[in-house]
Amino acid sequence: LFRSFIRPFVASGVYDLPMTENSVFFSEAFAFASFCHLHQVDLVAESGVYKGASTEIWSLFAKEVAAVDISLTQEAEQVAERHPNVKLYTGDGRNLLPEL
C-alpha cells in the first residue's frame, strides 16, 4: 500500500499546504488517503472542520468531501471556495451526517 500510493500522495501537493494548530499530521493524512484509495472511497464525510486543514487534504483525494461543523470559520469557507468538491454544512454532525 505504501509503495503504491506514496507517489500520488506527494504529487498531490499536500506538502505545500499550511499546517495549522490541531490539524491532521501528514502521516495520518497519508494513512487515511491510502485507505480511501485502496477501497475506492468517493465521499469523505468529516465532522469537525475548524479551519479546514484536513478538509483541504481530503479534497485532494476524494471526489466529494462533506464537512460538518457547529460553527464554520472563514478559513474553512475559503477552503470550500478553492475546492469545488468540498461542501460545508453548518450544524450538529450527529444530525447532519446520517442524512448525507
Protein backbone atom coordinates (compact mmCIF):
# COMPACT_ATOMS: atom_id res chain seq x y z
CA LEU A 1 0.00 0.00 0.00
CA PHE A 2 2.78 2.42 0.93
CA ARG A 3 4.68 1.87 -2.29
CA SER A 4 1.60 2.08 -4.48
CA PHE A 5 0.31 5.38 -3.06
CA ILE A 6 3.32 7.43 -1.94
CA ARG A 7 3.95 9.00 -5.35
CA PRO A 8 0.35 10.16 -5.90
CA PHE A 9 0.27 11.45 -2.32
CA VAL A 10 3.42 13.55 -2.76
CA ALA A 11 2.42 14.67 -6.28
CA SER A 12 -0.95 15.93 -4.98
CA GLY A 13 0.69 19.00 -3.50
CA VAL A 14 -0.30 18.04 0.03
CA TYR A 15 3.09 19.11 1.36
CA ASP A 16 2.52 22.62 0.01
CA LEU A 17 -0.50 23.09 2.28
CA PRO A 18 -0.01 25.01 5.51
CA MET A 19 -0.18 23.17 8.82
CA THR A 20 -2.36 24.77 11.45
CA GLU A 21 -2.73 24.03 15.13
CA ASN A 22 -4.83 20.95 15.84
CA SER A 23 -4.72 19.84 12.22
CA VAL A 24 -4.12 16.33 10.98
CA PHE A 25 -0.48 15.24 10.64
CA PHE A 26 0.74 14.37 7.15
CA SER A 27 1.44 10.80 8.30
CA GLU A 28 -2.20 10.47 9.43
CA ALA A 29 -3.41 12.03 6.19
CA PHE A 30 -1.29 9.58 4.21
CA ALA A 31 -2.72 6.61 6.11
CA PHE A 32 -6.31 7.80 5.64
CA ALA A 33 -5.87 8.77 1.98
CA SER A 34 -4.17 5.42 1.27
CA PHE A 35 -7.09 3.58 2.85
CA CYS A 36 -9.53 5.61 0.75
CA HIS A 37 -7.51 4.89 -2.39
CA LEU A 38 -7.33 1.16 -1.63
CA HIS A 39 -11.10 0.94 -1.07
CA GLN A 40 -12.08 3.38 -3.85
CA VAL A 41 -13.82 5.77 -1.47
CA ASP A 42 -15.62 8.58 -3.33
CA LEU A 43 -17.10 10.52 -0.40
CA VAL A 44 -15.33 11.63 2.76
CA ALA A 45 -17.69 12.81 5.50
CA GLU A 46 -15.91 14.93 8.09
CA SER A 47 -17.33 16.08 11.40
CA GLY A 48 -15.44 18.95 12.99
CA VAL A 49 -13.86 21.19 10.40
CA TYR A 50 -12.25 24.01 12.41
CA LYS A 51 -10.04 25.86 9.89
CA GLY A 52 -10.47 23.25 7.15
CA ALA A 53 -6.89 21.94 7.06
CA SER A 54 -7.88 18.28 6.90
CA THR A 55 -10.87 19.15 4.71
CA GLU A 56 -8.48 20.58 2.15
CA ILE A 57 -6.28 17.48 2.30
CA TRP A 58 -9.27 15.17 1.76
CA SER A 59 -10.34 17.32 -1.20
CA LEU A 60 -7.13 16.35 -2.99
CA PHE A 61 -8.02 12.64 -2.89
CA ALA A 62 -11.81 12.30 -2.74
CA LYS A 63 -14.35 13.11 -5.43
CA GLU A 64 -16.53 14.72 -2.77
CA VAL A 65 -15.96 15.98 0.76
CA ALA A 66 -18.93 16.73 3.01
CA ALA A 67 -17.70 18.64 6.05
CA VAL A 68 -19.90 19.47 9.04
CA ASP A 69 -19.29 21.83 11.94
CA ILE A 70 -21.41 23.62 14.51
CA SER A 71 -19.73 26.88 13.53
CA LEU A 72 -17.78 27.38 10.31
CA THR A 73 -14.69 29.56 10.27
CA GLN A 74 -13.72 31.95 7.49
CA GLU A 75 -10.68 29.75 6.78
CA ALA A 76 -12.91 26.71 6.22
CA GLU A 77 -15.16 28.69 3.89
CA GLN A 78 -12.08 29.75 1.90
CA VAL A 79 -11.08 26.09 1.54
CA ALA A 80 -14.53 25.32 0.11
CA GLU A 81 -14.20 28.25 -2.31
CA ARG A 82 -10.86 26.87 -3.59
CA HIS A 83 -12.12 23.29 -3.93
CA PRO A 84 -15.47 22.78 -5.69
CA ASN A 85 -15.64 19.17 -4.45
CA VAL A 86 -15.99 20.42 -0.85
CA LYS A 87 -19.45 21.06 0.57
CA LEU A 88 -19.71 22.65 4.00
CA TYR A 89 -22.67 22.13 6.30
CA THR A 90 -23.41 24.07 9.47
CA GLY A 91 -24.98 22.13 12.31
CA ASP A 92 -24.62 19.18 14.62
CA GLY A 93 -22.81 16.30 12.91
CA ARG A 94 -24.86 13.78 14.88
CA ASN A 95 -27.91 15.01 12.99
CA LEU A 96 -26.45 16.00 9.62
CA LEU A 97 -24.01 13.18 8.84
CA PRO A 98 -26.60 10.37 8.73
CA GLU A 99 -28.54 12.39 6.14
CA LEU A 100 -25.54 12.68 3.85
